[in-house]
Structures are given as C-alpha cells and as structure tokens.
Amino acid sequence: METVSILVDVQNVYYTTRQAYGRNFDYNAFWRHATNNRRVINAVAYAIDKADEKQRHFQNILRAIGFEVKLKPFIQRSDGSAKGDWDVGITLDAMEYAEQSDTIILVSGDGDFDLLANRMRTKHNTSVEVYGVDRLTAASLIDSANKFIPIESDLLLR
C-alpha cells in the first residue's frame, strides 16, 4: 500500500479558499480524498495560535480527523504588522518525511515550496502532490509537483 505524509499550511488554505470562494476548506472531505487506499505515515496541520476558543475548537477537530497540530504563536509587531508562518518548519518536516513516504501531500499554494518539491522528487524520489486553489497557487509550485489537485467545491464546506 502506498504511504503518504500530509502537510497542511493552514493559514494559506484558509485565506486562499476564502478569497477565491468565500468558503472554508473541508478537512474531512480532503482527508477522505487524499488518504483513499493509502497508509498515512504523518499528517500535520501547521497553524498560528491566537489562543481563542473558536481556534481551539478547530484545532481539536483537526486532531480528531487524524492530524497532529503544530502551533506557532501569533506575533503582532509594534508597527501593526504581524508575523507567523511555518515555511521553514514545513520544509524541515517534509524533507524528513520524504525519506519515510512514497508521496508527500502538500496543501498550500505558496510558491516558496517549489524548491522543496523539486528537492524531494530528485533527492528522495518521492512523489509530490499539491492541493491548492488553482488561480491562487504559484505556477512554479504546480510545475514542480508530480500532481496538482485543485481545491474546488468538492473540497469546500457548504
């Protein structure tokens, strides 16, 4: 049975699905689609922790589905800007998981991950699948993946 590791850039998928469709990503539908006839080795959702009750509830839902939830604190700078992304953490985990998995599934449209996808394919001979909102996913990331699965209505909450 094919083995997979799943890495979800929660902030990216939240904002891109809201921008493109005005709807939220359906993590249950995604899980069913991505894991069908596959054995999950790792499944991680990378999120920013703003420490509110609604967010804790969402994180518990992710855990119930089967994700490990990794959190980084939300940092509000004095100039009003904010910081909180997981690009380096996702990259480090992906390189480790590529050694254990036939396929890495990355849920993000962030073009910064194109180098990562290329490296996993060439160094570890790992297949890379990218799920992202078609018009908001970097062309370089789509091109670097073995397979691109557009997030459309079947992967969105009603």
C-alpha atoms as a PDB file:
ATOM      1  CA  MET A   1       0.000   0.000   0.000  1.00  0.00           C
ATOM      2  CA  GLU A   2       1.267   3.457  -0.886  1.00  0.00           C
ATOM      3  CA  THR A   3       2.491   5.512   2.079  1.00  0.00           C
ATOM      4  CA  VAL A   4       1.807   9.233   2.382  1.00  0.00           C
ATOM      5  CA  SER A   5       2.710  12.141   4.592  1.00  0.00           C
ATOM      6  CA  ILE A   6       0.373  15.120   4.606  1.00  0.00           C
ATOM      7  CA  LEU A   7       1.465  18.679   5.376  1.00  0.00           C
ATOM      8  CA  VAL A   8      -1.186  21.413   5.538  1.00  0.00           C
ATOM      9  CA  ASP A   9      -0.325  25.108   5.550  1.00  0.00           C
ATOM     10  CA  VAL A  10      -3.489  26.059   7.457  1.00  0.00           C
ATOM     11  CA  GLN A  11      -3.161  29.826   7.035  1.00  0.00           C
ATOM     12  CA  ASN A  12      -2.569  29.558   3.291  1.00  0.00           C
ATOM     13  CA  VAL A  13      -5.521  27.262   2.634  1.00  0.00           C
ATOM     14  CA  TYR A  14      -7.795  29.353   4.857  1.00  0.00           C
ATOM     15  CA  TYR A  15      -7.050  32.628   3.112  1.00  0.00           C
ATOM     16  CA  THR A  16      -6.983  31.274  -0.450  1.00  0.00           C
ATOM     17  CA  THR A  17     -10.285  29.390  -0.175  1.00  0.00           C
ATOM     18  CA  ARG A  18     -11.927  32.410   1.469  1.00  0.00           C
ATOM     19  CA  GLN A  19     -10.592  34.752  -1.214  1.00  0.00           C
ATOM     20  CA  ALA A  20     -11.477  32.535  -4.170  1.00  0.00           C
ATOM     21  CA  TYR A  21     -14.770  31.049  -2.998  1.00  0.00           C
ATOM     22  CA  GLY A  22     -15.873  32.783   0.195  1.00  0.00           C
ATOM     23  CA  ARG A  23     -15.941  29.319   1.771  1.00  0.00           C
ATOM     24  CA  ASN A  24     -13.802  27.218   4.092  1.00  0.00           C
ATOM     25  CA  PHE A  25     -11.727  24.151   3.292  1.00  0.00           C
ATOM     26  CA  ASP A  26     -13.399  20.848   4.176  1.00  0.00           C
ATOM     27  CA  TYR A  27     -10.707  18.922   6.022  1.00  0.00           C
ATOM     28  CA  ASN A  28     -12.862  15.786   6.305  1.00  0.00           C
ATOM     29  CA  ALA A  29     -13.515  15.657   2.554  1.00  0.00           C
ATOM     30  CA  PHE A  30      -9.842  16.330   1.897  1.00  0.00           C
ATOM     31  CA  TRP A  31      -8.789  13.523   4.276  1.00  0.00           C
ATOM     32  CA  ARG A  32     -11.091  11.033   2.527  1.00  0.00           C
ATOM     33  CA  HIS A  33      -9.802  12.089  -0.890  1.00  0.00           C
ATOM     34  CA  ALA A  34      -6.085  12.198  -0.034  1.00  0.00           C
ATOM     35  CA  THR A  35      -5.910   9.001   2.020  1.00  0.00           C
ATOM     36  CA  ASN A  36      -8.102   6.690  -0.067  1.00  0.00           C
ATOM     37  CA  ASN A  37      -6.288   3.339  -0.383  1.00  0.00           C
ATOM     38  CA  ARG A  38      -3.173   4.814   1.221  1.00  0.00           C
ATOM     39  CA  ARG A  39      -1.426   4.416   4.557  1.00  0.00           C
ATOM     40  CA  VAL A  40      -0.789   7.680   6.386  1.00  0.00           C
ATOM     41  CA  ILE A  41       2.676   7.895   7.936  1.00  0.00           C
ATOM     42  CA  ASN A  42       2.474  11.525   9.100  1.00  0.00           C
ATOM     43  CA  ALA A  43      -0.254  14.147   8.914  1.00  0.00           C
ATOM     44  CA  VAL A  44       0.496  17.607  10.241  1.00  0.00           C
ATOM     45  CA  ALA A  45      -1.530  20.805  10.187  1.00  0.00           C
ATOM     46  CA  TYR A  46       0.654  23.880  10.726  1.00  0.00           C
ATOM     47  CA  ALA A  47      -1.277  26.750  12.291  1.00  0.00           C
ATOM     48  CA  ILE A  48      -0.873  30.057  14.085  1.00  0.00           C
ATOM     49  CA  ASP A  49      -2.072  30.157  17.673  1.00  0.00           C
ATOM     50  CA  LYS A  50      -4.105  33.223  18.538  1.00  0.00           C
ATOM     51  CA  ALA A  51      -5.319  31.487  21.716  1.00  0.00           C
ATOM     52  CA  ASP A  52      -9.049  31.925  21.252  1.00  0.00           C
ATOM     53  CA  GLU A  53     -11.791  29.398  21.932  1.00  0.00           C
ATOM     54  CA  LYS A  54     -13.009  29.109  18.339  1.00  0.00           C
ATOM     55  CA  GLN A  55      -9.478  28.299  17.209  1.00  0.00           C
ATOM     56  CA  ARG A  56      -9.010  25.681  19.935  1.00  0.00           C
ATOM     57  CA  HIS A  57     -12.237  24.021  18.802  1.00  0.00           C
ATOM     58  CA  PHE A  58     -10.976  23.978  15.183  1.00  0.00           C
ATOM     59  CA  GLN A  59      -7.639  22.508  16.288  1.00  0.00           C
ATOM     60  CA  ASN A  60      -9.471  19.748  18.171  1.00  0.00           C
ATOM     61  CA  ILE A  61     -11.447  18.938  15.028  1.00  0.00           C
ATOM     62  CA  LEU A  62      -8.183  18.600  13.104  1.00  0.00           C
ATOM     63  CA  ARG A  63      -6.821  16.260  15.777  1.00  0.00           C
ATOM     64  CA  ALA A  64      -9.992  14.149  15.662  1.00  0.00           C
ATOM     65  CA  ILE A  65      -9.598  13.753  11.889  1.00  0.00           C
ATOM     66  CA  GLY A  66      -6.047  12.452  12.381  1.00  0.00           C
ATOM     67  CA  PHE A  67      -3.763  15.477  12.164  1.00  0.00           C
ATOM     68  CA  GLU A  68      -1.020  16.414  14.552  1.00  0.00           C
ATOM     69  CA  VAL A  69      -1.458  20.159  15.054  1.00  0.00           C
ATOM     70  CA  LYS A  70       1.705  22.222  15.300  1.00  0.00           C
ATOM     71  CA  LEU A  71       1.240  25.756  16.571  1.00  0.00           C
ATOM     72  CA  LYS A  72       3.323  28.899  16.413  1.00  0.00           C
ATOM     73  CA  PRO A  73       2.409  31.984  18.388  1.00  0.00           C
ATOM     74  CA  PHE A  74       0.850  34.914  16.551  1.00  0.00           C
ATOM     75  CA  ILE A  75       3.227  37.868  16.781  1.00  0.00           C
ATOM     76  CA  GLN A  76       1.839  41.385  16.497  1.00  0.00           C
ATOM     77  CA  ARG A  77       4.636  43.885  15.872  1.00  0.00           C
ATOM     78  CA  SER A  78       4.617  47.408  17.293  1.00  0.00           C
ATOM     79  CA  ASP A  79       4.230  48.845  13.772  1.00  0.00           C
ATOM     80  CA  GLY A  80       0.943  46.940  13.368  1.00  0.00           C
ATOM     81  CA  SER A  81       2.273  44.238  11.068  1.00  0.00           C
ATOM     82  CA  ALA A  82       2.007  40.602  12.034  1.00  0.00           C
ATOM     83  CA  LYS A  83       4.248  37.572  11.716  1.00  0.00           C
ATOM     84  CA  GLY A  84       3.510  33.926  11.798  1.00  0.00           C
ATOM     85  CA  ASP A  85       4.364  31.463   9.075  1.00  0.00           C
ATOM     86  CA  TRP A  86       5.519  27.894   9.030  1.00  0.00           C
ATOM     87  CA  ASP A  87       7.558  27.740   5.806  1.00  0.00           C
ATOM     88  CA  VAL A  88      10.786  26.609   7.470  1.00  0.00           C
ATOM     89  CA  GLY A  89       9.026  24.130   9.775  1.00  0.00           C
ATOM     90  CA  ILE A  90       7.073  22.615   6.896  1.00  0.00           C
ATOM     91  CA  THR A  91      10.264  22.342   4.849  1.00  0.00           C
ATOM     92  CA  LEU A  92      12.224  20.610   7.597  1.00  0.00           C
ATOM     93  CA  ASP A  93       9.421  18.129   8.291  1.00  0.00           C
ATOM     94  CA  ALA A  94       8.849  17.477   4.588  1.00  0.00           C
ATOM     95  CA  MET A  95      12.489  16.586   4.000  1.00  0.00           C
ATOM     96  CA  GLU A  96      12.401  14.176   6.939  1.00  0.00           C
ATOM     97  CA  TYR A  97       9.060  12.653   5.926  1.00  0.00           C
ATOM     98  CA  ALA A  98      10.179  12.247   2.305  1.00  0.00           C
ATOM     99  CA  GLU A  99      12.568   9.556   3.498  1.00  0.00           C
ATOM    100  CA  GLN A 100       9.653   7.602   5.036  1.00  0.00           C
ATOM    101  CA  SER A 101       6.907   8.114   2.453  1.00  0.00           C
ATOM    102  CA  ASP A 102       6.161   7.249  -1.144  1.00  0.00           C
ATOM    103  CA  THR A 103       4.235  10.502  -1.534  1.00  0.00           C
ATOM    104  CA  ILE A 104       4.259  13.881   0.171  1.00  0.00           C
ATOM    105  CA  ILE A 105       0.962  15.736   0.015  1.00  0.00           C
ATOM    106  CA  LEU A 106       1.361  19.478   0.452  1.00  0.00           C
ATOM    107  CA  VAL A 107      -1.699  21.664   0.915  1.00  0.00           C
ATOM    108  CA  SER A 108      -0.538  25.162   0.033  1.00  0.00           C
ATOM    109  CA  GLY A 109      -0.326  27.500  -2.903  1.00  0.00           C
ATOM    110  CA  ASP A 110       2.865  29.155  -1.684  1.00  0.00           C
ATOM    111  CA  GLY A 111       5.467  29.334  -4.442  1.00  0.00           C
ATOM    112  CA  ASP A 112       8.242  29.257  -1.845  1.00  0.00           C
ATOM    113  CA  PHE A 113       7.674  25.494  -1.708  1.00  0.00           C
ATOM    114  CA  ASP A 114       8.641  24.879  -5.352  1.00  0.00           C
ATOM    115  CA  LEU A 115      12.289  24.292  -4.399  1.00  0.00           C
ATOM    116  CA  LEU A 116      11.181  21.888  -1.679  1.00  0.00           C
ATOM    117  CA  ALA A 117       9.005  19.896  -4.086  1.00  0.00           C
ATOM    118  CA  ASN A 118      11.847  19.657  -6.601  1.00  0.00           C
ATOM    119  CA  ARG A 119      14.315  18.567  -3.936  1.00  0.00           C
ATOM    120  CA  MET A 120      12.029  15.827  -2.560  1.00  0.00           C
ATOM    121  CA  ARG A 121      11.453  14.492  -6.058  1.00  0.00           C
ATOM    122  CA  THR A 122      15.123  14.470  -7.065  1.00  0.00           C
ATOM    123  CA  LYS A 123      16.878  13.617  -3.808  1.00  0.00           C
ATOM    124  CA  HIS A 124      14.391  11.148  -2.316  1.00  0.00           C
ATOM    125  CA  ASN A 125      12.499  10.039  -5.436  1.00  0.00           C
ATOM    126  CA  THR A 126       9.333  10.957  -3.555  1.00  0.00           C
ATOM    127  CA  SER A 127       6.174  11.834  -5.431  1.00  0.00           C
ATOM    128  CA  VAL A 128       4.778  15.263  -4.541  1.00  0.00           C
ATOM    129  CA  GLU A 129       1.088  16.118  -4.722  1.00  0.00           C
ATOM    130  CA  VAL A 130      -0.006  19.701  -4.216  1.00  0.00           C
ATOM    131  CA  TYR A 131      -3.540  20.732  -3.296  1.00  0.00           C
ATOM    132  CA  GLY A 132      -4.238  24.413  -3.830  1.00  0.00           C
ATOM    133  CA  VAL A 133      -6.716  26.934  -5.156  1.00  0.00           C
ATOM    134  CA  ASP A 134      -5.937  26.913  -8.879  1.00  0.00           C
ATOM    135  CA  ARG A 135      -5.841  30.659  -9.550  1.00  0.00           C
ATOM    136  CA  LEU A 136      -4.030  31.402  -6.267  1.00  0.00           C
ATOM    137  CA  THR A 137      -1.377  28.676  -6.440  1.00  0.00           C
ATOM    138  CA  ALA A 138       2.035  29.651  -7.759  1.00  0.00           C
ATOM    139  CA  ALA A 139       2.689  28.265 -11.240  1.00  0.00           C
ATOM    140  CA  SER A 140       6.199  27.306 -10.123  1.00  0.00           C
ATOM    141  CA  LEU A 141       4.753  25.108  -7.356  1.00  0.00           C
ATOM    142  CA  ILE A 142       2.283  23.453  -9.733  1.00  0.00           C
ATOM    143  CA  ASP A 143       5.111  22.794 -12.202  1.00  0.00           C
ATOM    144  CA  SER A 144       7.380  21.318  -9.540  1.00  0.00           C
ATOM    145  CA  ALA A 145       4.787  18.799  -8.286  1.00  0.00           C
ATOM    146  CA  ASN A 146       4.137  15.381  -9.780  1.00  0.00           C
ATOM    147  CA  LYS A 147       0.427  16.092  -9.469  1.00  0.00           C
ATOM    148  CA  PHE A 148      -1.658  19.190  -8.779  1.00  0.00           C
ATOM    149  CA  ILE A 149      -5.160  18.779  -7.355  1.00  0.00           C
ATOM    150  CA  PRO A 150      -7.193  21.988  -7.476  1.00  0.00           C
ATOM    151  CA  ILE A 151      -9.268  22.812  -4.432  1.00  0.00           C
ATOM    152  CA  GLU A 152     -12.777  23.186  -5.788  1.00  0.00           C
ATOM    153  CA  SER A 153     -16.309  22.855  -4.433  1.00  0.00           C
ATOM    154  CA  ASP A 154     -15.926  19.152  -3.556  1.00  0.00           C
ATOM    155  CA  LEU A 155     -13.223  20.130  -1.019  1.00  0.00           C
ATOM    156  CA  LEU A 156     -15.090  23.101   0.459  1.00  0.00           C
ATOM    157  CA  LEU A 157     -17.626  23.299   3.242  1.00  0.00           C
ATOM    158  CA  ARG A 158     -21.150  24.014   2.056  1.00  0.00           C
END
